[in-house]
Amino acid sequence: MVEVVGWDLDSSVASTMHRRGLIPEIRAGRKTWHDYSVLCLEDEPIEGAVALMGLMTQMNPRVGHVAISGRSTRALSLTRQWAERHRVPFSRYMLRPDDEDNGKWKVRCIRQLQDEGHTVRLFVEDWA
């Protein structure tokens, strides 16, 4: 059994302030969440979140950090590039298919990890 910490990406580990202006466009149907997701290479890391990941790893080197995000699966390659560039130590990425409800998707991901024998110690999320 492996202990994991789940991390939402947008606005939890990655600062998305530069793309917040797209949200009204998405709600109006002129843009999509995919359009929002593919701008992730421009994100800055949220330093406190990345530092916390490092501290957790120091305390328990076996802990895995899993990205569980509503970010589009079509942005997976960009997300991996971003994490590598900013030294964000994700061991796994679980990004949302376009036709999935965000909240339900994240709950299913956590349950999937548990079904695989992982202990999910924490999930960091910016939305209540």
Protein backbone atom coordinates (compact mmCIF):
# COMPACT_ATOMS: atom_id res chain seq x y z
CA MET A 1 0.00 0.00 0.00
CA VAL A 2 1.27 3.44 -0.96
CA GLU A 3 0.30 6.68 0.71
CA VAL A 4 -0.73 9.47 -1.63
CA VAL A 5 -1.67 13.11 -1.46
CA GLY A 6 -4.05 14.34 -4.13
CA TRP A 7 -3.60 17.82 -5.50
CA ASP A 8 -5.97 19.91 -7.56
CA LEU A 9 -3.88 21.80 -10.10
CA ASP A 10 -5.53 25.05 -11.13
CA SER A 11 -5.38 27.65 -8.35
CA SER A 12 -4.10 25.06 -5.86
CA VAL A 13 -0.63 24.25 -7.20
CA ALA A 14 -0.60 26.46 -10.30
CA SER A 15 -1.50 30.14 -10.24
CA THR A 16 -4.17 30.68 -12.87
CA MET A 17 -4.78 34.39 -12.37
CA HIS A 18 -3.65 35.20 -15.92
CA ARG A 19 -6.42 33.02 -17.42
CA ARG A 20 -9.32 33.89 -15.11
CA GLY A 21 -10.65 36.26 -17.78
CA LEU A 22 -11.63 33.24 -19.85
CA ILE A 23 -14.20 32.04 -17.31
CA PRO A 24 -16.97 34.46 -18.42
CA GLU A 25 -16.21 33.46 -22.03
CA ILE A 26 -16.58 29.77 -21.08
CA ARG A 27 -19.86 30.42 -19.29
CA ALA A 28 -21.12 32.32 -22.35
CA GLY A 29 -20.20 29.38 -24.60
CA ARG A 30 -17.58 31.29 -26.60
CA LYS A 31 -14.63 29.38 -25.07
CA THR A 32 -14.22 25.95 -23.50
CA TRP A 33 -12.48 24.49 -20.46
CA HIS A 34 -10.05 22.97 -22.95
CA ASP A 35 -9.14 26.51 -24.10
CA TYR A 36 -8.55 27.36 -20.44
CA SER A 37 -6.49 24.22 -19.78
CA VAL A 38 -4.03 24.58 -22.65
CA LEU A 39 -2.82 27.91 -21.29
CA CYS A 40 -1.24 26.11 -18.33
CA LEU A 41 2.34 26.55 -19.55
CA GLU A 42 2.04 30.23 -18.62
CA ASP A 43 1.12 29.42 -15.00
CA GLU A 44 3.47 30.18 -12.15
CA PRO A 45 3.72 27.58 -9.38
CA ILE A 46 2.17 28.43 -6.04
CA GLU A 47 5.36 28.31 -4.00
CA GLY A 48 3.75 27.31 -0.70
CA ALA A 49 2.04 24.30 -2.27
CA VAL A 50 5.23 23.10 -3.95
CA ALA A 51 7.20 23.62 -0.73
CA LEU A 52 4.58 21.63 1.18
CA MET A 53 4.97 18.78 -1.30
CA GLY A 54 8.69 18.78 -0.64
CA LEU A 55 8.22 18.77 3.12
CA MET A 56 5.75 15.90 2.91
CA THR A 57 8.21 13.92 0.81
CA GLN A 58 11.00 14.60 3.33
CA MET A 59 8.78 13.35 6.14
CA ASN A 60 7.74 10.27 4.18
CA PRO A 61 9.81 9.50 1.05
CA ARG A 62 7.26 6.90 -0.02
CA VAL A 63 4.37 9.37 -0.32
CA GLY A 64 3.18 9.94 -3.87
CA HIS A 65 1.80 13.24 -5.12
CA VAL A 66 -1.07 12.76 -7.57
CA ALA A 67 -2.55 15.53 -9.70
CA ILE A 68 -6.33 15.09 -9.60
CA SER A 69 -7.66 17.90 -11.71
CA GLY A 70 -10.59 19.17 -13.68
CA ARG A 71 -8.04 20.26 -16.26
CA SER A 72 -8.75 18.72 -19.66
CA THR A 73 -7.05 15.41 -20.47
CA ARG A 74 -6.04 17.05 -23.75
CA ALA A 75 -3.63 19.20 -21.71
CA LEU A 76 -1.77 16.22 -20.21
CA SER A 77 1.46 16.71 -22.16
CA LEU A 78 1.50 20.44 -21.39
CA THR A 79 0.79 19.72 -17.73
CA ARG A 80 3.71 17.31 -17.52
CA GLN A 81 6.00 19.86 -19.21
CA TRP A 82 4.89 22.52 -16.73
CA ALA A 83 5.47 20.26 -13.71
CA GLU A 84 8.90 19.21 -14.95
CA ARG A 85 9.95 22.81 -15.65
CA HIS A 86 8.89 23.91 -12.15
CA ARG A 87 10.11 20.76 -10.38
CA VAL A 88 6.65 19.84 -9.11
CA PRO A 89 7.02 16.20 -8.02
CA PHE A 90 3.84 14.57 -9.34
CA SER A 91 4.03 10.80 -9.61
CA ARG A 92 0.73 10.50 -11.47
CA TYR A 93 -1.75 12.64 -13.38
CA MET A 94 -5.51 12.15 -13.38
CA LEU A 95 -7.06 14.81 -15.63
CA ARG A 96 -10.76 15.11 -16.41
CA PRO A 97 -12.30 13.91 -19.65
CA ASP A 98 -14.29 16.70 -21.30
CA ASP A 99 -17.69 15.11 -20.67
CA GLU A 100 -17.24 14.57 -16.91
CA ASP A 101 -18.58 16.62 -14.02
CA ASN A 102 -15.58 18.10 -12.20
CA GLY A 103 -16.59 17.29 -8.61
CA LYS A 104 -17.79 13.78 -9.39
CA TRP A 105 -14.61 13.15 -11.40
CA LYS A 106 -12.37 14.03 -8.46
CA VAL A 107 -14.33 11.82 -6.06
CA ARG A 108 -14.10 8.93 -8.54
CA CYS A 109 -10.33 9.45 -8.83
CA ILE A 110 -9.89 9.29 -5.07
CA ARG A 111 -12.00 6.13 -4.93
CA GLN A 112 -10.00 4.62 -7.78
CA LEU A 113 -6.76 5.25 -5.90
CA GLN A 114 -8.26 3.59 -2.82
CA ASP A 115 -9.46 0.63 -4.90
CA GLU A 116 -5.89 0.27 -6.17
CA GLY A 117 -4.73 -0.10 -2.56
CA HIS A 118 -3.50 3.43 -1.94
CA THR A 119 -4.19 5.36 1.23
CA VAL A 120 -5.22 8.90 0.31
CA ARG A 121 -3.96 10.99 3.24
CA LEU A 122 -5.04 14.40 1.98
CA PHE A 123 -6.65 16.09 -0.99
CA VAL A 124 -5.77 19.76 -1.59
CA GLU A 125 -8.50 21.66 -3.42
CA ASP A 126 -9.27 25.35 -3.84
CA TRP A 127 -13.07 24.97 -4.21
CA ALA A 128 -15.23 24.22 -1.18
